[in-house]
C-alpha atoms as a PDB file:
ATOM      1  CA  UNK A   1       1.151  22.828 -39.089  1.00  0.00           C
ATOM      2  CA  UNK A   2      -1.460  20.119 -38.684  1.00  0.00           C
ATOM      3  CA  UNK A   3      -4.934  21.367 -37.897  1.00  0.00           C
ATOM      4  CA  UNK A   4      -6.650  19.765 -34.909  1.00  0.00           C
ATOM      5  CA  UNK A   5     -10.396  19.509 -35.133  1.00  0.00           C
ATOM      6  CA  UNK A   6     -12.939  19.232 -32.347  1.00  0.00           C
ATOM      7  CA  UNK A   7     -13.918  15.721 -33.380  1.00  0.00           C
ATOM      8  CA  UNK A   8     -10.309  14.562 -33.781  1.00  0.00           C
ATOM      9  CA  UNK A   9      -9.391  15.956 -30.383  1.00  0.00           C
ATOM     10  CA  UNK A  10     -12.354  14.271 -28.696  1.00  0.00           C
ATOM     11  CA  UNK A  11     -11.512  10.980 -30.429  1.00  0.00           C
ATOM     12  CA  UNK A  12      -7.925  11.176 -29.183  1.00  0.00           C
ATOM     13  CA  UNK A  13      -9.032  11.970 -25.629  1.00  0.00           C
ATOM     14  CA  UNK A  14     -11.537   9.093 -25.676  1.00  0.00           C
ATOM     15  CA  UNK A  15      -8.882   6.708 -26.985  1.00  0.00           C
ATOM     16  CA  UNK A  16      -6.459   7.892 -24.294  1.00  0.00           C
ATOM     17  CA  UNK A  17      -9.047   7.361 -21.540  1.00  0.00           C
ATOM     18  CA  UNK A  18      -9.759   3.828 -22.776  1.00  0.00           C
ATOM     19  CA  UNK A  19      -6.098   2.925 -23.171  1.00  0.00           C
ATOM     20  CA  UNK A  20      -5.041   4.251 -19.766  1.00  0.00           C
ATOM     21  CA  UNK A  21      -7.964   2.526 -18.034  1.00  0.00           C
ATOM     22  CA  UNK A  22      -7.138  -0.765 -19.757  1.00  0.00           C
ATOM     23  CA  UNK A  23      -3.443  -0.482 -18.845  1.00  0.00           C
ATOM     24  CA  UNK A  24      -4.380   0.411 -15.277  1.00  0.00           C
ATOM     25  CA  UNK A  25      -6.413  -2.771 -14.986  1.00  0.00           C
ATOM     26  CA  UNK A  26      -3.499  -4.817 -16.370  1.00  0.00           C
ATOM     27  CA  UNK A  27      -1.155  -3.228 -13.817  1.00  0.00           C
ATOM     28  CA  UNK A  28      -3.665  -3.938 -11.039  1.00  0.00           C
ATOM     29  CA  UNK A  29      -3.801  -7.624 -12.041  1.00  0.00           C
ATOM     30  CA  UNK A  30       0.002  -7.846 -12.070  1.00  0.00           C
ATOM     31  CA  UNK A  31       0.075  -6.320  -8.593  1.00  0.00           C
ATOM     32  CA  UNK A  32      -2.466  -8.834  -7.334  1.00  0.00           C
ATOM     33  CA  UNK A  33      -0.417 -11.714  -8.741  1.00  0.00           C
ATOM     34  CA  UNK A  34       2.748 -10.293  -7.170  1.00  0.00           C
ATOM     35  CA  UNK A  35       0.969 -10.111  -3.803  1.00  0.00           C
ATOM     36  CA  UNK A  36      -0.268 -13.700  -4.106  1.00  0.00           C
ATOM     37  CA  UNK A  37       3.215 -14.885  -5.033  1.00  0.00           C
ATOM     38  CA  UNK A  38       4.710 -12.912  -2.140  1.00  0.00           C
ATOM     39  CA  UNK A  39       2.383 -14.702   0.260  1.00  0.00           C
ATOM     40  CA  UNK A  40       3.357 -18.068  -1.199  1.00  0.00           C
ATOM     41  CA  UNK A  41       7.084 -17.311  -0.999  1.00  0.00           C
ATOM     42  CA  UNK A  42       6.717 -16.080   2.597  1.00  0.00           C
ATOM     43  CA  UNK A  43       4.877 -19.288   3.456  1.00  0.00           C
ATOM     44  CA  UNK A  44       7.662 -21.374   1.894  1.00  0.00           C
ATOM     45  CA  UNK A  45      10.237 -19.326   3.834  1.00  0.00           C
ATOM     46  CA  UNK A  46       8.402 -20.115   7.067  1.00  0.00           C
ATOM     47  CA  UNK A  47       8.279 -23.806   6.161  1.00  0.00           C
ATOM     48  CA  UNK A  48      12.022 -23.773   5.442  1.00  0.00           C
ATOM     49  CA  UNK A  49      12.651 -22.122   8.797  1.00  0.00           C
ATOM     50  CA  UNK A  50      10.534 -24.794  10.521  1.00  0.00           C
ATOM     51  CA  UNK A  51      12.683 -27.431   8.850  1.00  0.00           C
ATOM     52  CA  UNK A  52      15.730 -25.605  10.242  1.00  0.00           C
ATOM     53  CA  UNK A  53      17.140 -24.810   6.797  1.00  0.00           C
ATOM     54  CA  UNK A  54      20.042 -22.371   7.053  1.00  0.00           C
ATOM     55  CA  UNK A  55      19.097 -18.777   7.885  1.00  0.00           C
ATOM     56  CA  UNK A  56      20.707 -17.377   4.742  1.00  0.00           C
ATOM     57  CA  UNK A  57      18.359 -19.388   2.514  1.00  0.00           C
ATOM     58  CA  UNK A  58      15.266 -18.578   4.568  1.00  0.00           C
ATOM     59  CA  UNK A  59      16.355 -14.938   4.739  1.00  0.00           C
ATOM     60  CA  UNK A  60      16.701 -14.753   0.971  1.00  0.00           C
ATOM     61  CA  UNK A  61      13.220 -16.214   0.552  1.00  0.00           C
ATOM     62  CA  UNK A  62      11.833 -13.644   3.002  1.00  0.00           C
ATOM     63  CA  UNK A  63      13.661 -10.870   1.118  1.00  0.00           C
ATOM     64  CA  UNK A  64      12.067 -12.022  -2.143  1.00  0.00           C
ATOM     65  CA  UNK A  65       8.625 -11.985  -0.498  1.00  0.00           C
ATOM     66  CA  UNK A  66       9.255  -8.460   0.843  1.00  0.00           C
ATOM     67  CA  UNK A  67      10.353  -7.220  -2.587  1.00  0.00           C
ATOM     68  CA  UNK A  68       7.310  -8.803  -4.222  1.00  0.00           C
ATOM     69  CA  UNK A  69       5.035  -7.081  -1.692  1.00  0.00           C
ATOM     70  CA  UNK A  70       6.741  -3.811  -2.646  1.00  0.00           C
ATOM     71  CA  UNK A  71       6.033  -4.504  -6.310  1.00  0.00           C
ATOM     72  CA  UNK A  72       2.416  -5.169  -5.427  1.00  0.00           C
ATOM     73  CA  UNK A  73       2.176  -1.891  -3.498  1.00  0.00           C
ATOM     74  CA  UNK A  74       3.764   0.052  -6.376  1.00  0.00           C
ATOM     75  CA  UNK A  75       1.455  -1.605  -8.902  1.00  0.00           C
ATOM     76  CA  UNK A  76      -1.575  -0.677  -6.807  1.00  0.00           C
ATOM     77  CA  UNK A  77      -0.402   2.953  -6.689  1.00  0.00           C
ATOM     78  CA  UNK A  78       0.248   2.985 -10.459  1.00  0.00           C
ATOM     79  CA  UNK A  79      -3.174   1.482 -11.170  1.00  0.00           C
ATOM     80  CA  UNK A  80      -4.798   4.089  -8.949  1.00  0.00           C
ATOM     81  CA  UNK A  81      -2.948   6.858 -10.802  1.00  0.00           C
ATOM     82  CA  UNK A  82      -4.066   5.368 -14.121  1.00  0.00           C
ATOM     83  CA  UNK A  83      -7.669   5.400 -12.854  1.00  0.00           C
ATOM     84  CA  UNK A  84      -7.274   9.086 -12.012  1.00  0.00           C
ATOM     85  CA  UNK A  85      -5.828   9.909 -15.435  1.00  0.00           C
ATOM     86  CA  UNK A  86      -8.553   7.972 -17.236  1.00  0.00           C
ATOM     87  CA  UNK A  87     -11.204   9.724 -15.149  1.00  0.00           C
ATOM     88  CA  UNK A  88      -9.696  13.131 -15.909  1.00  0.00           C
ATOM     89  CA  UNK A  89      -9.631  12.324 -19.634  1.00  0.00           C
ATOM     90  CA  UNK A  90     -13.280  11.233 -19.544  1.00  0.00           C
ATOM     91  CA  UNK A  91     -14.173  14.420 -17.651  1.00  0.00           C
ATOM     92  CA  UNK A  92     -12.285  16.562 -20.190  1.00  0.00           C
ATOM     93  CA  UNK A  93     -14.128  14.838 -23.013  1.00  0.00           C
ATOM     94  CA  UNK A  94     -17.488  15.370 -21.317  1.00  0.00           C
ATOM     95  CA  UNK A  95     -16.669  19.026 -20.687  1.00  0.00           C
ATOM     96  CA  UNK A  96     -15.588  19.531 -24.304  1.00  0.00           C
ATOM     97  CA  UNK A  97     -18.810  17.949 -25.504  1.00  0.00           C
ATOM     98  CA  UNK A  98     -20.876  20.080 -23.091  1.00  0.00           C
ATOM     99  CA  UNK A  99     -19.070  23.301 -23.971  1.00  0.00           C
ATOM    100  CA  UNK A 100     -18.581  22.864 -27.697  1.00  0.00           C
ATOM    101  CA  UNK A 101     -20.841  20.044 -28.850  1.00  0.00           C
ATOM    102  CA  UNK A 102     -23.648  22.414 -29.807  1.00  0.00           C
ATOM    103  CA  UNK A 103     -21.305  24.497 -31.920  1.00  0.00           C
ATOM    104  CA  UNK A 104     -20.069  21.400 -33.718  1.00  0.00           C
ATOM    105  CA  UNK A 105     -23.658  20.297 -34.367  1.00  0.00           C
ATOM    106  CA  UNK A 106     -24.614  23.715 -35.743  1.00  0.00           C
ATOM    107  CA  UNK A 107     -21.585  23.846 -38.043  1.00  0.00           C
ATOM    108  CA  UNK A 108     -22.404  20.338 -39.250  1.00  0.00           C
ATOM    109  CA  UNK A 109     -26.030  21.317 -39.898  1.00  0.00           C
ATOM    110  CA  UNK A 110     -25.125  24.343 -42.040  1.00  0.00           C
ATOM    111  CA  UNK A 111     -26.226  24.022 -45.652  1.00  0.00           C
ATOM    112  CA  UNK A 112     -23.482  26.358 -46.881  1.00  0.00           C
ATOM    113  CA  UNK A 113     -19.979  24.848 -46.826  1.00  0.00           C
ATOM    114  CA  UNK A 114     -17.461  26.762 -44.736  1.00  0.00           C
ATOM    115  CA  UNK A 115     -14.448  28.292 -46.481  1.00  0.00           C
ATOM    116  CA  UNK A 116     -11.003  27.776 -45.030  1.00  0.00           C
ATOM    117  CA  UNK A 117      -9.902  30.491 -42.623  1.00  0.00           C
ATOM    118  CA  UNK A 118      -7.033  31.317 -44.959  1.00  0.00           C
ATOM    119  CA  UNK A 119      -9.618  32.547 -47.503  1.00  0.00           C
ATOM    120  CA  UNK A 120     -10.368  35.513 -45.228  1.00  0.00           C
ATOM    121  CA  UNK A 121      -6.763  36.517 -44.597  1.00  0.00           C
ATOM    122  CA  UNK A 122      -5.414  39.685 -46.168  1.00  0.00           C
ATOM    123  CA  UNK A 123      -2.553  39.433 -48.616  1.00  0.00           C
END
């Protein structure tokens, strides 16, 4: 079984927080682009309707705009969730550092090397 150390765990949590926050921002940008494109498609649909293009074509364009707005809404929700996860990971890291950082510093400052726990086990 792999042994997880305090420092390794904190490093993983920090990496997770960074990665999720970065991905959340990417998702947010995609959502913003989808919303901009939805507005453009809706505008084109209105222009087609003004030119009296058949209702099926204008309806399809309006459907595409509606779907793109839905994608934008979903992306905004996903980005918000990613922000929450990243914040929770940062909070967990801060709590771990607050609760256990002093212990880690003291162990690191010891002049006598620590033996493995298995050394103290009975046979």
